[in-house]
Amino acid sequence: QVQLVESGGGLVQAGDSLRLSCAASGRTFSTDAMGWFRQAPGKEREFVAAISSSGGSTNYADSVKGRFTISRDNAKNTVYLQMNSLKPEDKAVYYCAERRYGSAYGTKPNQYDYWGQGTQVTVSS
């Protein structure tokens, strides 16, 4: 059974940083691409970032490019999202997702097979 458990969310001020983590279990982590999505109240779930199985390729939404960095540690079965220069519009529930044997270019939720429960990120102005 695949499990994805996010952590690291919280309440910060605009301009601050946070690092989200997602611990995966139940599959061979190093064969799958990983992604981060977010969903604000009343809005659809949107793509944030993705990383290939090896970590060699990454992909970002334009809204976070230059501020967020996705990375992974295959020895720890964990993917990270380093978020810098946070803005109030980054406030959302952030979800980790796993894409079986996928590339880093999956930007749609239906391209991912497994999801975590989400972690809340709130940014005050």
N, C-alpha and C. Protein backbone atom coordinates (compact mmCIF):
# COMPACT_ATOMS: atom_id res chain seq x y z
N GLN A 1 0.84 -1.19 0.00
CA GLN A 1 0.00 0.00 0.00
C GLN A 1 0.89 1.25 0.00
N VAL A 2 0.67 2.10 -0.96
CA VAL A 2 1.46 3.31 -1.07
C VAL A 2 0.97 4.36 -0.08
N GLN A 3 1.92 4.97 0.62
CA GLN A 3 1.59 6.06 1.54
C GLN A 3 2.51 7.23 1.28
N LEU A 4 1.93 8.41 1.23
CA LEU A 4 2.68 9.65 1.11
C LEU A 4 2.28 10.53 2.28
N VAL A 5 3.26 10.96 3.06
CA VAL A 5 2.97 11.76 4.25
C VAL A 5 3.74 13.07 4.17
N GLU A 6 3.00 14.16 4.04
CA GLU A 6 3.61 15.48 3.97
C GLU A 6 3.82 16.06 5.37
N SER A 7 4.80 16.92 5.47
CA SER A 7 5.05 17.65 6.71
C SER A 7 5.76 18.96 6.37
N GLY A 8 5.80 19.86 7.35
CA GLY A 8 6.55 21.10 7.17
C GLY A 8 5.73 22.34 6.91
N GLY A 9 4.43 22.18 6.78
CA GLY A 9 3.60 23.36 6.55
C GLY A 9 3.48 24.20 7.82
N GLY A 10 2.90 25.37 7.67
CA GLY A 10 2.73 26.24 8.83
C GLY A 10 2.34 27.64 8.43
N LEU A 11 2.38 28.52 9.42
CA LEU A 11 2.04 29.93 9.22
C LEU A 11 3.33 30.75 9.23
N VAL A 12 3.54 31.50 8.15
CA VAL A 12 4.73 32.34 8.04
C VAL A 12 4.32 33.71 7.52
N GLN A 13 5.27 34.62 7.56
CA GLN A 13 5.02 35.95 7.01
C GLN A 13 5.54 36.03 5.57
N ALA A 14 5.01 36.97 4.84
CA ALA A 14 5.48 37.18 3.48
C ALA A 14 6.98 37.42 3.48
N GLY A 15 7.67 36.76 2.55
CA GLY A 15 9.12 36.87 2.45
C GLY A 15 9.87 35.76 3.17
N ASP A 16 9.18 35.03 4.02
CA ASP A 16 9.80 33.93 4.76
C ASP A 16 9.95 32.70 3.88
N SER A 17 10.56 31.69 4.47
CA SER A 17 10.78 30.42 3.79
C SER A 17 10.18 29.27 4.57
N LEU A 18 9.86 28.20 3.86
CA LEU A 18 9.42 26.94 4.46
C LEU A 18 9.97 25.80 3.61
N ARG A 19 10.20 24.66 4.24
CA ARG A 19 10.56 23.47 3.49
C ARG A 19 9.55 22.38 3.80
N LEU A 20 8.89 21.93 2.77
CA LEU A 20 7.96 20.81 2.90
C LEU A 20 8.70 19.51 2.60
N SER A 21 8.27 18.47 3.30
CA SER A 21 8.81 17.14 3.07
C SER A 21 7.66 16.18 2.78
N CYS A 22 7.96 15.15 2.02
CA CYS A 22 6.97 14.11 1.75
C CYS A 22 7.69 12.77 1.81
N ALA A 23 7.32 11.98 2.80
CA ALA A 23 7.91 10.66 2.98
C ALA A 23 7.03 9.62 2.29
N ALA A 24 7.64 8.83 1.42
CA ALA A 24 6.90 7.85 0.63
C ALA A 24 7.22 6.43 1.08
N SER A 25 6.25 5.55 0.97
CA SER A 25 6.46 4.15 1.26
C SER A 25 5.50 3.32 0.42
N GLY A 26 5.84 2.04 0.24
CA GLY A 26 4.94 1.13 -0.44
C GLY A 26 5.30 0.84 -1.89
N ARG A 27 6.21 1.61 -2.47
CA ARG A 27 6.68 1.35 -3.84
C ARG A 27 8.18 1.59 -3.88
N THR A 28 8.78 1.18 -4.98
CA THR A 28 10.20 1.50 -5.19
C THR A 28 10.27 2.97 -5.60
N PHE A 29 10.57 3.78 -4.63
CA PHE A 29 10.50 5.24 -4.78
C PHE A 29 11.33 5.72 -5.97
N SER A 30 12.49 5.11 -6.16
CA SER A 30 13.42 5.61 -7.16
C SER A 30 12.98 5.37 -8.60
N THR A 31 11.87 4.68 -8.80
CA THR A 31 11.37 4.46 -10.17
C THR A 31 10.30 5.47 -10.57
N ASP A 32 9.85 6.27 -9.62
CA ASP A 32 8.69 7.13 -9.86
C ASP A 32 9.04 8.61 -9.84
N ALA A 33 8.36 9.36 -10.70
CA ALA A 33 8.44 10.81 -10.63
C ALA A 33 7.59 11.29 -9.46
N MET A 34 7.92 12.44 -8.93
CA MET A 34 7.19 13.01 -7.81
C MET A 34 6.79 14.44 -8.13
N GLY A 35 5.67 14.85 -7.59
CA GLY A 35 5.22 16.20 -7.84
C GLY A 35 4.62 16.84 -6.60
N TRP A 36 4.57 18.15 -6.64
CA TRP A 36 3.86 18.93 -5.62
C TRP A 36 2.76 19.73 -6.33
N PHE A 37 1.59 19.70 -5.72
CA PHE A 37 0.46 20.48 -6.18
C PHE A 37 -0.06 21.29 -5.00
N ARG A 38 -0.90 22.26 -5.28
CA ARG A 38 -1.52 23.02 -4.20
C ARG A 38 -2.95 23.37 -4.56
N GLN A 39 -3.73 23.58 -3.53
CA GLN A 39 -5.13 23.93 -3.74
C GLN A 39 -5.56 24.97 -2.72
N ALA A 40 -5.97 26.11 -3.21
CA ALA A 40 -6.48 27.18 -2.37
C ALA A 40 -8.00 27.04 -2.28
N PRO A 41 -8.61 27.59 -1.24
CA PRO A 41 -10.07 27.49 -1.09
C PRO A 41 -10.80 28.03 -2.32
N GLY A 42 -11.73 27.25 -2.84
CA GLY A 42 -12.52 27.67 -3.97
C GLY A 42 -11.83 27.57 -5.31
N LYS A 43 -10.62 27.03 -5.32
CA LYS A 43 -9.86 26.93 -6.58
C LYS A 43 -9.53 25.48 -6.88
N GLU A 44 -9.19 25.24 -8.13
CA GLU A 44 -8.79 23.89 -8.52
C GLU A 44 -7.37 23.60 -8.06
N ARG A 45 -7.09 22.32 -7.95
CA ARG A 45 -5.73 21.91 -7.60
C ARG A 45 -4.80 22.28 -8.75
N GLU A 46 -3.67 22.90 -8.42
CA GLU A 46 -2.77 23.34 -9.47
C GLU A 46 -1.36 22.79 -9.26
N PHE A 47 -0.70 22.62 -10.38
CA PHE A 47 0.66 22.11 -10.39
C PHE A 47 1.62 23.13 -9.82
N VAL A 48 2.59 22.65 -9.03
CA VAL A 48 3.62 23.52 -8.47
C VAL A 48 4.99 23.13 -9.03
N ALA A 49 5.36 21.85 -8.85
CA ALA A 49 6.69 21.41 -9.28
C ALA A 49 6.70 19.90 -9.41
N ALA A 50 7.64 19.40 -10.21
CA ALA A 50 7.81 17.96 -10.37
C ALA A 50 9.28 17.65 -10.55
N ILE A 51 9.61 16.40 -10.25
CA ILE A 51 10.99 15.95 -10.37
C ILE A 51 11.00 14.52 -10.90
N SER A 52 11.96 14.24 -11.75
CA SER A 52 12.05 12.91 -12.33
C SER A 52 12.53 11.89 -11.29
N SER A 53 12.46 10.63 -11.64
CA SER A 53 12.80 9.57 -10.70
C SER A 53 14.24 9.67 -10.20
N SER A 54 15.14 10.09 -11.06
CA SER A 54 16.55 10.20 -10.67
C SER A 54 16.87 11.54 -10.02
N GLY A 55 15.98 12.49 -10.20
CA GLY A 55 16.24 13.85 -9.71
C GLY A 55 16.94 14.72 -10.72
N GLY A 56 17.23 14.17 -11.89
CA GLY A 56 17.97 14.90 -12.89
C GLY A 56 17.18 15.93 -13.66
N SER A 57 15.86 15.81 -13.64
CA SER A 57 15.00 16.78 -14.34
C SER A 57 13.97 17.33 -13.40
N THR A 58 13.73 18.61 -13.51
CA THR A 58 12.70 19.26 -12.71
C THR A 58 11.84 20.15 -13.60
N ASN A 59 10.68 20.49 -13.09
CA ASN A 59 9.72 21.28 -13.84
C ASN A 59 8.95 22.12 -12.84
N TYR A 60 8.70 23.39 -13.17
CA TYR A 60 8.05 24.30 -12.23
C TYR A 60 6.92 25.08 -12.90
N ALA A 61 5.92 25.40 -12.12
CA ALA A 61 4.92 26.35 -12.57
C ALA A 61 5.57 27.73 -12.66
N ASP A 62 5.12 28.53 -13.59
CA ASP A 62 5.70 29.87 -13.76
C ASP A 62 5.57 30.70 -12.48
N SER A 63 4.50 30.48 -11.74
CA SER A 63 4.24 31.29 -10.56
C SER A 63 5.24 31.07 -9.43
N VAL A 64 5.97 29.96 -9.47
CA VAL A 64 6.91 29.66 -8.39
C VAL A 64 8.36 29.58 -8.88
N LYS A 65 8.55 29.66 -10.19
CA LYS A 65 9.90 29.52 -10.75
C LYS A 65 10.81 30.59 -10.16
N GLY A 66 11.98 30.16 -9.72
CA GLY A 66 12.93 31.08 -9.11
C GLY A 66 12.77 31.25 -7.61
N ARG A 67 11.64 30.80 -7.07
CA ARG A 67 11.40 30.91 -5.63
C ARG A 67 11.35 29.54 -4.95
N PHE A 68 10.82 28.55 -5.64
CA PHE A 68 10.67 27.20 -5.08
C PHE A 68 11.67 26.26 -5.73
N THR A 69 12.12 25.28 -4.95
CA THR A 69 13.02 24.25 -5.46
C THR A 69 12.55 22.89 -5.00
N ILE A 70 12.37 21.99 -5.95
CA ILE A 70 12.01 20.60 -5.62
C ILE A 70 13.27 19.76 -5.66
N SER A 71 13.37 18.83 -4.73
CA SER A 71 14.51 17.92 -4.70
C SER A 71 14.04 16.61 -4.09
N ARG A 72 14.89 15.60 -4.19
CA ARG A 72 14.53 14.30 -3.62
C ARG A 72 15.77 13.60 -3.12
N ASP A 73 15.55 12.73 -2.14
CA ASP A 73 16.60 11.87 -1.61
C ASP A 73 16.09 10.45 -1.73
N ASN A 74 16.54 9.74 -2.72
CA ASN A 74 16.03 8.38 -2.97
C ASN A 74 16.45 7.40 -1.87
N ALA A 75 17.53 7.70 -1.18
CA ALA A 75 17.95 6.84 -0.07
C ALA A 75 16.99 6.96 1.11
N LYS A 76 16.32 8.11 1.20
CA LYS A 76 15.38 8.34 2.30
C LYS A 76 13.92 8.27 1.86
N ASN A 77 13.70 7.97 0.58
CA ASN A 77 12.33 7.91 0.05
C ASN A 77 11.56 9.18 0.36
N THR A 78 12.21 10.31 0.15
CA THR A 78 11.62 11.59 0.52
C THR A 78 11.82 12.61 -0.60
N VAL A 79 10.77 13.40 -0.82
CA VAL A 79 10.85 14.52 -1.74
C VAL A 79 10.61 15.80 -0.95
N TYR A 80 11.27 16.87 -1.36
CA TYR A 80 11.21 18.14 -0.65
C TYR A 80 10.73 19.25 -1.57
N LEU A 81 10.18 20.26 -0.94
CA LEU A 81 9.86 21.49 -1.66
C LEU A 81 10.35 22.65 -0.80
N GLN A 82 11.44 23.26 -1.22
CA GLN A 82 11.96 24.43 -0.55
C GLN A 82 11.26 25.65 -1.13
N MET A 83 10.59 26.40 -0.27
CA MET A 83 9.82 27.56 -0.70
C MET A 83 10.41 28.82 -0.08
N ASN A 84 10.93 29.68 -0.92
CA ASN A 84 11.52 30.94 -0.48
C ASN A 84 10.68 32.12 -0.96
N SER A 85 10.89 33.25 -0.34
CA SER A 85 10.19 34.48 -0.74
C SER A 85 8.69 34.25 -0.86
N LEU A 86 8.13 33.65 0.16
CA LEU A 86 6.71 33.30 0.10
C LEU A 86 5.83 34.54 0.03
N LYS A 87 4.74 34.39 -0.71
CA LYS A 87 3.78 35.47 -0.92
C LYS A 87 2.42 35.04 -0.37
N PRO A 88 1.57 35.99 -0.03
CA PRO A 88 0.22 35.62 0.44
C PRO A 88 -0.52 34.73 -0.56
N GLU A 89 -0.28 34.90 -1.84
CA GLU A 89 -0.96 34.08 -2.84
C GLU A 89 -0.45 32.64 -2.89
N ASP A 90 0.61 32.34 -2.15
CA ASP A 90 1.07 30.95 -2.04
C ASP A 90 0.29 30.17 -1.00
N LYS A 91 -0.57 30.84 -0.29
CA LYS A 91 -1.38 30.16 0.74
C LYS A 91 -2.26 29.10 0.10
N ALA A 92 -2.15 27.87 0.60
CA ALA A 92 -2.91 26.75 0.04
C ALA A 92 -2.61 25.50 0.85
N VAL A 93 -3.34 24.46 0.56
CA VAL A 93 -2.96 23.13 1.03
C VAL A 93 -2.04 22.54 -0.05
N TYR A 94 -0.89 22.08 0.38
CA TYR A 94 0.10 21.53 -0.54
C TYR A 94 0.07 20.01 -0.47
N TYR A 95 0.00 19.40 -1.65
CA TYR A 95 -0.09 17.95 -1.76
C TYR A 95 1.12 17.38 -2.49
N CYS A 96 1.59 16.27 -1.98
CA CYS A 96 2.63 15.50 -2.62
C CYS A 96 1.94 14.43 -3.47
N ALA A 97 2.52 14.12 -4.64
CA ALA A 97 1.93 13.12 -5.52
C ALA A 97 3.03 12.28 -6.16
N GLU A 98 2.69 11.05 -6.46
CA GLU A 98 3.65 10.10 -7.03
C GLU A 98 3.10 9.59 -8.36
N ARG A 99 3.99 9.57 -9.35
CA ARG A 99 3.60 9.17 -10.70
C ARG A 99 4.42 7.96 -11.09
N ARG A 100 3.76 6.82 -11.23
CA ARG A 100 4.47 5.58 -11.52
C ARG A 100 5.23 5.68 -12.82
N TYR A 101 6.53 5.45 -12.73
CA TYR A 101 7.43 5.40 -13.89
C TYR A 101 7.34 6.65 -14.76
N GLY A 102 6.92 7.75 -14.17
CA GLY A 102 6.67 8.93 -14.98
C GLY A 102 7.88 9.84 -15.13
N SER A 103 7.73 10.82 -15.98
CA SER A 103 8.75 11.83 -16.18
C SER A 103 8.44 13.02 -15.28
N ALA A 104 9.27 14.03 -15.36
CA ALA A 104 9.07 15.22 -14.55
C ALA A 104 8.12 16.20 -15.22
N TYR A 105 7.51 15.78 -16.33
CA TYR A 105 6.73 16.73 -17.10
C TYR A 105 5.22 16.57 -16.92
N GLY A 106 4.84 15.80 -15.93
CA GLY A 106 3.43 15.68 -15.63
C GLY A 106 2.96 16.88 -14.84
N THR A 107 2.04 17.64 -15.38
CA THR A 107 1.57 18.84 -14.71
C THR A 107 0.09 18.78 -14.36
N LYS A 108 -0.54 17.71 -14.70
CA LYS A 108 -1.98 17.57 -14.43
C LYS A 108 -2.21 16.54 -13.32
N PRO A 109 -3.14 16.82 -12.43
CA PRO A 109 -3.40 15.89 -11.33
C PRO A 109 -3.70 14.47 -11.80
N ASN A 110 -4.41 14.33 -12.93
CA ASN A 110 -4.79 12.97 -13.34
C ASN A 110 -3.61 12.18 -13.92
N GLN A 111 -2.45 12.79 -14.00
CA GLN A 111 -1.25 12.06 -14.42
C GLN A 111 -0.54 11.40 -13.25
N TYR A 112 -1.03 11.63 -12.05
CA TYR A 112 -0.41 11.09 -10.84
C TYR A 112 -1.29 10.01 -10.24
N ASP A 113 -0.62 9.02 -9.68
CA ASP A 113 -1.33 7.82 -9.22
C ASP A 113 -1.63 7.81 -7.73
N TYR A 114 -0.79 8.47 -6.95
CA TYR A 114 -0.95 8.41 -5.50
C TYR A 114 -0.80 9.82 -4.93
N TRP A 115 -1.53 10.06 -3.84
CA TRP A 115 -1.56 11.39 -3.23
C TRP A 115 -1.44 11.32 -1.72
N GLY A 116 -0.80 12.35 -1.17
CA GLY A 116 -0.79 12.50 0.27
C GLY A 116 -2.03 13.24 0.74
N GLN A 117 -2.11 13.45 2.05
CA GLN A 117 -3.27 14.10 2.64
C GLN A 117 -3.18 15.62 2.61
N GLY A 118 -2.00 16.14 2.38
CA GLY A 118 -1.83 17.58 2.28
C GLY A 118 -1.34 18.21 3.56
N THR A 119 -0.68 19.35 3.41
CA THR A 119 -0.20 20.14 4.54
C THR A 119 -0.51 21.61 4.24
N GLN A 120 -1.01 22.31 5.26
CA GLN A 120 -1.46 23.68 5.07
C GLN A 120 -0.28 24.65 5.13
N VAL A 121 -0.23 25.54 4.17
CA VAL A 121 0.74 26.64 4.18
C VAL A 121 -0.05 27.94 4.18
N THR A 122 0.20 28.78 5.18
CA THR A 122 -0.47 30.06 5.27
C THR A 122 0.58 31.16 5.33
N VAL A 123 0.42 32.16 4.48
CA VAL A 123 1.38 33.25 4.40
C VAL A 123 0.64 34.55 4.70
N SER A 124 1.06 35.21 5.75
CA SER A 124 0.41 36.48 6.12
C SER A 124 1.17 37.65 5.50
N SER A 125 0.43 38.70 5.19
CA SER A 125 1.06 39.87 4.55
C SER A 125 1.55 40.86 5.58
